[in-house]
Amino acid sequence: MGLPGLRGSDHIGFTVPDLDEAESFLVDVLGAVPVYTLPGRSGEGDWMTRQLGVHPRTAIREIRFYRLGNGTNIEVFAYDAADGQAPPPRNSDIGGHHLALYVDDLDAAVAHLHAYGVDVMGEPVVSGAASAGQRWIYFRAPWGMQFELVSFPDGKAYEQDTETLLWHPARPAE
């Protein structure tokens, strides 16, 4: 049952309008570490459509990889899209998404974001039900992508009633 050999998430990839702006945000604000860069690419024939699902004349300008704390890696693309680019989807749109980052001290992390002028959305929320013990808040990258800070230093309520725990950066892999 399931995908043979699955170990976990390797990276999360997303497209940005300006790689240098994204790098400044990821490195200076979030603390990501640049790891390596790949050159751009354009495909012959229908390669870009077949392999990536984009317009066949679209080109990738550059790809950059980052390590972000003790979690999954980040792959950041810059495209020259032959058919234009849409704004980031909202959470309520099909394909809507956010990237959640675990922090030890939510209040200190929110203060840090404010100090950098980051668009922090609302106030920290205290979760209930199975997520009781968790606090969270959303914020936006300069290009509009939504991120979330999450913290539950004493665990979540669901952990008391199950043997299968969600992955957590502070917990060793099972």
N, C-alpha and C. Protein backbone atom coordinates (compact mmCIF):
# COMPACT_ATOMS: atom_id res chain seq x y z
N MET A 1 0.85 -1.18 0.00
CA MET A 1 0.00 0.00 0.00
C MET A 1 0.89 1.24 0.00
N GLY A 2 0.55 2.18 -0.80
CA GLY A 2 1.29 3.42 -0.84
C GLY A 2 2.47 3.39 -1.79
N LEU A 3 3.17 4.46 -1.85
CA LEU A 3 4.29 4.65 -2.76
C LEU A 3 5.50 3.86 -2.29
N PRO A 4 6.00 2.91 -3.09
CA PRO A 4 7.15 2.11 -2.65
C PRO A 4 8.37 2.98 -2.34
N GLY A 5 9.00 2.74 -1.22
CA GLY A 5 10.23 3.42 -0.86
C GLY A 5 10.08 4.84 -0.35
N LEU A 6 8.85 5.31 -0.13
CA LEU A 6 8.66 6.70 0.31
C LEU A 6 9.34 6.93 1.65
N ARG A 7 10.17 7.98 1.71
CA ARG A 7 10.88 8.35 2.94
C ARG A 7 10.36 9.65 3.53
N GLY A 8 9.84 10.54 2.69
CA GLY A 8 9.37 11.83 3.18
C GLY A 8 9.51 12.89 2.10
N SER A 9 9.32 14.12 2.51
CA SER A 9 9.38 15.25 1.59
C SER A 9 10.83 15.67 1.36
N ASP A 10 11.23 15.83 0.10
CA ASP A 10 12.59 16.27 -0.23
C ASP A 10 12.66 17.79 -0.33
N HIS A 11 11.72 18.39 -1.07
CA HIS A 11 11.73 19.84 -1.22
C HIS A 11 10.34 20.33 -1.59
N ILE A 12 10.15 21.63 -1.40
CA ILE A 12 8.95 22.32 -1.85
C ILE A 12 9.42 23.34 -2.86
N GLY A 13 8.83 23.33 -4.04
CA GLY A 13 9.22 24.26 -5.08
C GLY A 13 8.15 25.30 -5.32
N PHE A 14 8.57 26.54 -5.56
CA PHE A 14 7.61 27.57 -5.92
C PHE A 14 8.29 28.61 -6.81
N THR A 15 7.46 29.34 -7.54
CA THR A 15 7.92 30.32 -8.50
C THR A 15 7.80 31.72 -7.92
N VAL A 16 8.80 32.54 -8.17
CA VAL A 16 8.81 33.91 -7.67
C VAL A 16 9.05 34.85 -8.85
N PRO A 17 8.65 36.12 -8.72
CA PRO A 17 8.90 37.05 -9.82
C PRO A 17 10.33 37.58 -9.85
N ASP A 18 11.02 37.58 -8.71
CA ASP A 18 12.35 38.17 -8.62
C ASP A 18 13.20 37.30 -7.69
N LEU A 19 14.17 36.59 -8.25
CA LEU A 19 14.98 35.67 -7.45
C LEU A 19 15.81 36.38 -6.38
N ASP A 20 16.33 37.55 -6.69
CA ASP A 20 17.14 38.26 -5.70
C ASP A 20 16.29 38.74 -4.52
N GLU A 21 15.08 39.24 -4.81
CA GLU A 21 14.16 39.64 -3.75
C GLU A 21 13.78 38.43 -2.90
N ALA A 22 13.50 37.31 -3.56
CA ALA A 22 13.14 36.09 -2.83
C ALA A 22 14.31 35.62 -1.97
N GLU A 23 15.52 35.67 -2.50
CA GLU A 23 16.68 35.25 -1.72
C GLU A 23 16.87 36.14 -0.50
N SER A 24 16.71 37.42 -0.68
CA SER A 24 16.84 38.34 0.44
C SER A 24 15.83 38.00 1.53
N PHE A 25 14.59 37.74 1.14
CA PHE A 25 13.55 37.38 2.10
C PHE A 25 13.86 36.04 2.77
N LEU A 26 14.17 35.04 1.96
CA LEU A 26 14.42 33.70 2.50
C LEU A 26 15.64 33.67 3.41
N VAL A 27 16.71 34.34 3.02
CA VAL A 27 17.97 34.31 3.77
C VAL A 27 17.95 35.31 4.93
N ASP A 28 17.68 36.57 4.63
CA ASP A 28 17.79 37.62 5.65
C ASP A 28 16.66 37.58 6.67
N VAL A 29 15.43 37.30 6.22
CA VAL A 29 14.28 37.32 7.13
C VAL A 29 14.04 35.95 7.74
N LEU A 30 13.98 34.90 6.90
CA LEU A 30 13.64 33.57 7.42
C LEU A 30 14.85 32.79 7.91
N GLY A 31 16.05 33.12 7.44
CA GLY A 31 17.25 32.40 7.88
C GLY A 31 17.61 31.20 7.04
N ALA A 32 17.08 31.11 5.83
CA ALA A 32 17.44 30.00 4.93
C ALA A 32 18.92 30.11 4.55
N VAL A 33 19.50 28.98 4.19
CA VAL A 33 20.89 28.93 3.77
C VAL A 33 20.93 28.57 2.28
N PRO A 34 21.52 29.42 1.43
CA PRO A 34 21.64 29.07 0.01
C PRO A 34 22.53 27.83 -0.14
N VAL A 35 22.13 26.90 -0.99
CA VAL A 35 22.89 25.67 -1.17
C VAL A 35 23.48 25.60 -2.57
N TYR A 36 22.65 25.68 -3.59
CA TYR A 36 23.18 25.70 -4.96
C TYR A 36 22.18 26.29 -5.93
N THR A 37 22.68 26.62 -7.12
CA THR A 37 21.90 27.23 -8.18
C THR A 37 22.02 26.38 -9.44
N LEU A 38 20.94 26.30 -10.18
CA LEU A 38 20.94 25.63 -11.48
C LEU A 38 20.69 26.66 -12.57
N PRO A 39 21.29 26.47 -13.73
CA PRO A 39 21.07 27.42 -14.83
C PRO A 39 19.66 27.29 -15.37
N GLY A 40 19.27 28.27 -16.16
CA GLY A 40 17.96 28.25 -16.78
C GLY A 40 17.81 27.13 -17.79
N ARG A 41 16.59 26.98 -18.28
CA ARG A 41 16.33 25.91 -19.23
C ARG A 41 15.11 26.27 -20.06
N SER A 42 15.19 25.96 -21.31
CA SER A 42 14.02 25.99 -22.17
C SER A 42 14.02 24.68 -22.94
N GLY A 43 12.86 24.25 -23.29
CA GLY A 43 12.77 22.94 -23.92
C GLY A 43 12.59 23.01 -25.41
N GLU A 44 12.98 21.95 -26.04
CA GLU A 44 12.74 21.79 -27.48
C GLU A 44 11.37 21.16 -27.66
N GLY A 45 10.68 21.58 -28.71
CA GLY A 45 9.37 21.00 -29.01
C GLY A 45 8.39 21.22 -27.87
N ASP A 46 7.84 20.12 -27.36
CA ASP A 46 6.85 20.23 -26.29
C ASP A 46 7.41 19.83 -24.92
N TRP A 47 8.74 19.84 -24.77
CA TRP A 47 9.36 19.39 -23.53
C TRP A 47 8.81 20.12 -22.31
N MET A 48 8.72 21.46 -22.34
CA MET A 48 8.26 22.24 -21.19
C MET A 48 6.81 21.89 -20.83
N THR A 49 5.98 21.63 -21.83
CA THR A 49 4.59 21.24 -21.57
C THR A 49 4.53 19.82 -21.03
N ARG A 50 5.24 18.92 -21.67
CA ARG A 50 5.20 17.51 -21.28
C ARG A 50 5.79 17.29 -19.89
N GLN A 51 6.92 17.93 -19.60
CA GLN A 51 7.61 17.68 -18.33
C GLN A 51 7.12 18.56 -17.18
N LEU A 52 6.71 19.80 -17.48
CA LEU A 52 6.37 20.75 -16.41
C LEU A 52 4.96 21.31 -16.48
N GLY A 53 4.24 21.02 -17.55
CA GLY A 53 2.86 21.49 -17.66
C GLY A 53 2.72 22.97 -17.93
N VAL A 54 3.73 23.59 -18.56
CA VAL A 54 3.68 25.02 -18.87
C VAL A 54 3.68 25.21 -20.39
N HIS A 55 3.47 26.44 -20.83
CA HIS A 55 3.49 26.77 -22.26
C HIS A 55 4.81 26.29 -22.86
N PRO A 56 4.78 25.70 -24.06
CA PRO A 56 6.00 25.13 -24.64
C PRO A 56 7.12 26.14 -24.88
N ARG A 57 6.82 27.42 -25.00
CA ARG A 57 7.87 28.43 -25.23
C ARG A 57 8.30 29.13 -23.93
N THR A 58 7.80 28.66 -22.82
CA THR A 58 8.23 29.20 -21.52
C THR A 58 9.65 28.76 -21.24
N ALA A 59 10.40 29.62 -20.57
CA ALA A 59 11.78 29.29 -20.20
C ALA A 59 11.98 29.50 -18.70
N ILE A 60 12.78 28.65 -18.10
CA ILE A 60 13.19 28.84 -16.71
C ILE A 60 14.44 29.70 -16.75
N ARG A 61 14.42 30.84 -16.04
CA ARG A 61 15.60 31.71 -15.99
C ARG A 61 16.68 31.11 -15.11
N GLU A 62 16.29 30.63 -13.93
CA GLU A 62 17.25 30.10 -12.96
C GLU A 62 16.47 29.38 -11.88
N ILE A 63 17.15 28.45 -11.20
CA ILE A 63 16.58 27.72 -10.07
C ILE A 63 17.58 27.80 -8.92
N ARG A 64 17.08 28.10 -7.73
CA ARG A 64 17.95 28.17 -6.54
C ARG A 64 17.39 27.26 -5.45
N PHE A 65 18.31 26.58 -4.76
CA PHE A 65 17.94 25.70 -3.66
C PHE A 65 18.43 26.26 -2.33
N TYR A 66 17.59 26.09 -1.31
CA TYR A 66 17.89 26.58 0.04
C TYR A 66 17.58 25.51 1.07
N ARG A 67 18.30 25.56 2.16
CA ARG A 67 18.01 24.75 3.33
C ARG A 67 17.34 25.67 4.33
N LEU A 68 16.21 25.26 4.88
CA LEU A 68 15.47 26.10 5.82
C LEU A 68 15.29 25.34 7.12
N GLY A 69 16.16 25.60 8.07
CA GLY A 69 16.06 24.96 9.38
C GLY A 69 16.21 23.46 9.28
N ASN A 70 15.51 22.75 10.14
CA ASN A 70 15.55 21.29 10.19
C ASN A 70 14.28 20.73 9.57
N GLY A 71 14.07 21.03 8.31
CA GLY A 71 12.87 20.57 7.62
C GLY A 71 13.18 20.34 6.16
N THR A 72 12.17 20.45 5.36
CA THR A 72 12.33 20.21 3.94
C THR A 72 13.11 21.35 3.28
N ASN A 73 13.67 21.08 2.13
CA ASN A 73 14.42 22.06 1.36
C ASN A 73 13.45 22.88 0.50
N ILE A 74 13.93 24.01 0.02
CA ILE A 74 13.11 24.88 -0.82
C ILE A 74 13.80 25.05 -2.17
N GLU A 75 13.04 24.89 -3.24
CA GLU A 75 13.50 25.10 -4.61
C GLU A 75 12.73 26.30 -5.18
N VAL A 76 13.44 27.32 -5.60
CA VAL A 76 12.80 28.55 -6.06
C VAL A 76 13.11 28.76 -7.54
N PHE A 77 12.05 28.94 -8.33
CA PHE A 77 12.15 29.11 -9.78
C PHE A 77 11.87 30.54 -10.17
N ALA A 78 12.51 31.00 -11.24
CA ALA A 78 12.11 32.21 -11.95
C ALA A 78 11.87 31.79 -13.39
N TYR A 79 10.68 32.07 -13.89
CA TYR A 79 10.29 31.70 -15.25
C TYR A 79 10.12 32.95 -16.11
N ASP A 80 10.39 32.82 -17.39
CA ASP A 80 9.90 33.75 -18.40
C ASP A 80 8.74 33.01 -19.05
N ALA A 81 7.54 33.31 -18.58
CA ALA A 81 6.35 32.58 -19.01
C ALA A 81 5.83 33.14 -20.33
N ALA A 82 5.79 32.31 -21.34
CA ALA A 82 5.37 32.74 -22.67
C ALA A 82 3.92 33.19 -22.71
N ASP A 83 3.11 32.71 -21.78
CA ASP A 83 1.69 33.06 -21.77
C ASP A 83 1.30 33.90 -20.56
N GLY A 84 2.26 34.55 -19.92
CA GLY A 84 1.98 35.41 -18.78
C GLY A 84 1.92 34.65 -17.47
N GLN A 85 1.82 35.38 -16.37
CA GLN A 85 1.77 34.76 -15.05
C GLN A 85 0.59 35.30 -14.27
N ALA A 86 -0.03 34.43 -13.50
CA ALA A 86 -1.15 34.80 -12.65
C ALA A 86 -0.63 35.15 -11.26
N PRO A 87 -1.39 35.91 -10.49
CA PRO A 87 -0.98 36.18 -9.10
C PRO A 87 -1.06 34.89 -8.28
N PRO A 88 -0.42 34.87 -7.10
CA PRO A 88 -0.51 33.67 -6.26
C PRO A 88 -1.97 33.37 -5.92
N PRO A 89 -2.34 32.08 -5.88
CA PRO A 89 -3.72 31.76 -5.51
C PRO A 89 -3.98 32.06 -4.04
N ARG A 90 -5.22 32.37 -3.73
CA ARG A 90 -5.62 32.52 -2.33
C ARG A 90 -5.76 31.11 -1.73
N ASN A 91 -5.79 31.01 -0.43
CA ASN A 91 -5.98 29.70 0.20
C ASN A 91 -7.27 29.05 -0.26
N SER A 92 -8.29 29.83 -0.57
CA SER A 92 -9.58 29.29 -0.97
C SER A 92 -9.63 28.87 -2.44
N ASP A 93 -8.61 29.20 -3.23
CA ASP A 93 -8.57 28.81 -4.65
C ASP A 93 -8.06 27.37 -4.79
N ILE A 94 -8.51 26.69 -5.84
CA ILE A 94 -7.96 25.38 -6.16
C ILE A 94 -6.45 25.55 -6.32
N GLY A 95 -5.68 24.74 -5.66
CA GLY A 95 -4.23 24.87 -5.70
C GLY A 95 -3.70 25.89 -4.71
N GLY A 96 -4.60 26.52 -3.95
CA GLY A 96 -4.18 27.45 -2.91
C GLY A 96 -3.28 26.71 -1.92
N HIS A 97 -2.38 27.42 -1.31
CA HIS A 97 -1.40 26.77 -0.46
C HIS A 97 -0.77 27.76 0.50
N HIS A 98 -0.04 27.24 1.43
CA HIS A 98 0.83 28.03 2.30
C HIS A 98 1.95 27.11 2.76
N LEU A 99 3.04 27.71 3.19
CA LEU A 99 4.17 26.95 3.70
C LEU A 99 4.27 27.25 5.19
N ALA A 100 4.09 26.21 6.02
CA ALA A 100 4.11 26.39 7.47
C ALA A 100 5.50 26.11 8.01
N LEU A 101 5.97 27.01 8.87
CA LEU A 101 7.29 26.91 9.47
C LEU A 101 7.13 26.78 10.98
N TYR A 102 7.75 25.76 11.57
CA TYR A 102 7.68 25.59 13.01
C TYR A 102 8.71 26.49 13.68
N VAL A 103 8.30 27.18 14.73
CA VAL A 103 9.20 28.01 15.53
C VAL A 103 9.02 27.66 17.00
N ASP A 104 10.09 27.81 17.77
CA ASP A 104 10.02 27.52 19.20
C ASP A 104 9.24 28.57 19.96
N ASP A 105 9.37 29.84 19.57
CA ASP A 105 8.74 30.95 20.28
C ASP A 105 7.99 31.80 19.27
N LEU A 106 6.69 31.61 19.19
CA LEU A 106 5.87 32.30 18.20
C LEU A 106 5.93 33.82 18.37
N ASP A 107 5.87 34.30 19.60
CA ASP A 107 5.87 35.74 19.82
C ASP A 107 7.18 36.38 19.37
N ALA A 108 8.30 35.74 19.64
CA ALA A 108 9.60 36.26 19.20
C ALA A 108 9.68 36.25 17.68
N ALA A 109 9.16 35.20 17.05
CA ALA A 109 9.21 35.11 15.58
C ALA A 109 8.32 36.18 14.95
N VAL A 110 7.15 36.43 15.51
CA VAL A 110 6.26 37.48 14.98
C VAL A 110 6.93 38.85 15.13
N ALA A 111 7.54 39.10 16.27
CA ALA A 111 8.25 40.38 16.48
C ALA A 111 9.36 40.54 15.45
N HIS A 112 10.07 39.46 15.14
CA HIS A 112 11.12 39.48 14.13
C HIS A 112 10.55 39.86 12.76
N LEU A 113 9.43 39.23 12.38
CA LEU A 113 8.81 39.56 11.09
C LEU A 113 8.40 41.03 11.04
N HIS A 114 7.79 41.52 12.13
CA HIS A 114 7.40 42.94 12.18
C HIS A 114 8.62 43.84 12.03
N ALA A 115 9.73 43.47 12.67
CA ALA A 115 10.95 44.29 12.59
C ALA A 115 11.47 44.39 11.16
N TYR A 116 11.19 43.40 10.33
CA TYR A 116 11.60 43.41 8.93
C TYR A 116 10.52 43.97 8.00
N GLY A 117 9.41 44.44 8.58
CA GLY A 117 8.35 45.02 7.77
C GLY A 117 7.54 44.01 6.99
N VAL A 118 7.54 42.75 7.43
CA VAL A 118 6.79 41.70 6.75
C VAL A 118 5.29 41.88 7.01
N ASP A 119 4.48 41.58 6.01
CA ASP A 119 3.02 41.66 6.12
C ASP A 119 2.52 40.47 6.95
N VAL A 120 2.35 40.70 8.25
CA VAL A 120 1.83 39.68 9.16
C VAL A 120 0.32 39.83 9.18
N MET A 121 -0.39 38.73 9.01
CA MET A 121 -1.84 38.75 8.84
C MET A 121 -2.55 38.48 10.17
N GLY A 122 -3.09 39.51 10.76
CA GLY A 122 -3.87 39.36 11.98
C GLY A 122 -3.00 39.16 13.20
N GLU A 123 -3.54 38.43 14.16
CA GLU A 123 -2.89 38.15 15.43
C GLU A 123 -2.75 36.64 15.60
N PRO A 124 -1.83 36.19 16.45
CA PRO A 124 -1.71 34.74 16.68
C PRO A 124 -3.04 34.11 17.12
N VAL A 125 -3.28 32.92 16.60
CA VAL A 125 -4.51 32.18 16.87
C VAL A 125 -4.17 30.99 17.75
N VAL A 126 -5.01 30.74 18.76
CA VAL A 126 -4.87 29.56 19.62
C VAL A 126 -5.78 28.48 19.05
N SER A 127 -5.21 27.33 18.69
CA SER A 127 -5.97 26.24 18.12
C SER A 127 -6.74 25.47 19.19
N GLY A 128 -7.74 24.76 18.75
CA GLY A 128 -8.52 23.92 19.65
C GLY A 128 -8.63 22.52 19.10
N ALA A 129 -9.51 21.72 19.71
CA ALA A 129 -9.78 20.34 19.30
C ALA A 129 -8.48 19.54 19.23
N ALA A 130 -8.27 18.78 18.17
CA ALA A 130 -7.09 17.93 18.06
C ALA A 130 -5.79 18.73 18.03
N SER A 131 -5.87 20.00 17.63
CA SER A 131 -4.67 20.85 17.57
C SER A 131 -4.48 21.71 18.82
N ALA A 132 -5.26 21.48 19.85
CA ALA A 132 -5.09 22.25 21.09
C ALA A 132 -3.64 22.14 21.55
N GLY A 133 -3.10 23.26 22.00
CA GLY A 133 -1.69 23.34 22.36
C GLY A 133 -0.87 24.07 21.32
N GLN A 134 -1.47 24.33 20.18
CA GLN A 134 -0.78 24.98 19.06
C GLN A 134 -1.24 26.44 18.94
N ARG A 135 -0.31 27.31 18.55
CA ARG A 135 -0.62 28.68 18.15
C ARG A 135 -0.06 28.87 16.74
N TRP A 136 -0.71 29.73 15.96
CA TRP A 136 -0.26 29.96 14.59
C TRP A 136 -0.63 31.37 14.13
N ILE A 137 0.05 31.80 13.05
CA ILE A 137 -0.25 33.07 12.39
C ILE A 137 0.29 33.01 10.95
N TYR A 138 -0.43 33.64 10.04
CA TYR A 138 0.00 33.71 8.64
C TYR A 138 0.77 35.01 8.38
N PHE A 139 1.63 34.95 7.36
CA PHE A 139 2.31 36.16 6.87
C PHE A 139 2.59 35.97 5.39
N ARG A 140 2.88 37.10 4.72
CA ARG A 140 3.10 37.07 3.27
C ARG A 140 4.54 37.41 2.91
N ALA A 141 5.05 36.69 1.92
CA ALA A 141 6.33 37.04 1.31
C ALA A 141 6.13 38.27 0.45
N PRO A 142 7.20 38.95 0.06
CA PRO A 142 7.06 40.15 -0.78
C PRO A 142 6.30 39.91 -2.08
N TRP A 143 6.31 38.69 -2.61
CA TRP A 143 5.62 38.38 -3.87
C TRP A 143 4.20 37.88 -3.62
N GLY A 144 3.72 37.89 -2.36
CA GLY A 144 2.33 37.56 -2.06
C GLY A 144 2.08 36.15 -1.58
N MET A 145 3.06 35.27 -1.68
CA MET A 145 2.87 33.89 -1.21
C MET A 145 2.65 33.88 0.30
N GLN A 146 1.71 33.03 0.74
CA GLN A 146 1.41 32.95 2.16
C GLN A 146 2.27 31.90 2.85
N PHE A 147 2.77 32.28 4.01
CA PHE A 147 3.51 31.41 4.91
C PHE A 147 2.76 31.39 6.23
N GLU A 148 3.08 30.42 7.07
CA GLU A 148 2.48 30.33 8.39
C GLU A 148 3.57 30.02 9.41
N LEU A 149 3.49 30.65 10.56
CA LEU A 149 4.31 30.25 11.70
C LEU A 149 3.45 29.39 12.60
N VAL A 150 4.01 28.29 13.10
CA VAL A 150 3.31 27.36 13.96
C VAL A 150 4.19 27.06 15.16
N SER A 151 3.59 26.95 16.34
CA SER A 151 4.36 26.57 17.51
C SER A 151 3.47 25.77 18.46
N PHE A 152 4.00 24.66 18.95
CA PHE A 152 3.30 23.85 19.96
C PHE A 152 4.35 23.16 20.82
N PRO A 153 5.07 23.95 21.64
CA PRO A 153 6.20 23.40 22.40
C PRO A 153 5.84 22.29 23.38
N ASP A 154 4.59 22.24 23.81
CA ASP A 154 4.16 21.18 24.72
C ASP A 154 3.33 20.12 24.02
N GLY A 155 3.36 20.11 22.68
CA GLY A 155 2.62 19.13 21.91
C GLY A 155 1.20 19.57 21.60
N LYS A 156 0.49 18.70 20.88
CA LYS A 156 -0.90 18.94 20.51
C LYS A 156 -1.78 17.87 21.17
N ALA A 157 -3.04 18.19 21.34
CA ALA A 157 -3.98 17.30 22.03
C ALA A 157 -4.07 15.92 21.36
N TYR A 158 -4.07 15.84 20.04
CA TYR A 158 -4.25 14.57 19.35
C TYR A 158 -3.17 13.55 19.73
N GLU A 159 -1.99 14.04 20.16
CA GLU A 159 -0.86 13.15 20.44
C GLU A 159 -1.15 12.19 21.60
N GLN A 160 -2.14 12.51 22.42
CA GLN A 160 -2.47 11.67 23.58
C GLN A 160 -3.22 10.40 23.18
N ASP A 161 -3.83 10.40 21.98
CA ASP A 161 -4.74 9.31 21.60
C ASP A 161 -4.32 8.54 20.36
N THR A 162 -3.04 8.62 19.96
CA THR A 162 -2.63 7.94 18.73
C THR A 162 -1.19 7.47 18.84
N GLU A 163 -0.89 6.46 18.06
CA GLU A 163 0.50 6.00 17.98
C GLU A 163 1.23 6.70 16.82
N THR A 164 0.47 7.18 15.83
CA THR A 164 1.05 7.84 14.67
C THR A 164 1.05 9.34 14.90
N LEU A 165 2.23 9.92 14.96
CA LEU A 165 2.36 11.35 15.18
C LEU A 165 2.74 12.06 13.88
N LEU A 166 2.26 13.28 13.72
CA LEU A 166 2.71 14.09 12.60
C LEU A 166 4.20 14.35 12.75
N TRP A 167 4.90 14.49 11.63
CA TRP A 167 6.32 14.80 11.67
C TRP A 167 6.52 16.14 12.36
N HIS A 168 7.57 16.24 13.12
CA HIS A 168 7.88 17.48 13.84
C HIS A 168 9.39 17.68 13.81
N PRO A 169 9.88 18.88 13.53
CA PRO A 169 11.32 19.08 13.39
C PRO A 169 12.13 18.81 14.64
N ALA A 170 11.52 18.87 15.80
CA ALA A 170 12.27 18.66 17.05
C ALA A 170 12.25 17.19 17.48
N ARG A 171 11.49 16.36 16.77
CA ARG A 171 11.37 14.95 17.14
C ARG A 171 12.20 14.09 16.20
N PRO A 172 12.93 13.12 16.71
CA PRO A 172 13.70 12.25 15.81
C PRO A 172 12.77 11.46 14.90
N ALA A 173 13.25 11.14 13.70
CA ALA A 173 12.47 10.34 12.76
C ALA A 173 12.22 8.96 13.33
N GLU A 174 11.04 8.45 13.01
CA GLU A 174 10.67 7.11 13.51
C GLU A 174 11.21 6.03 12.60
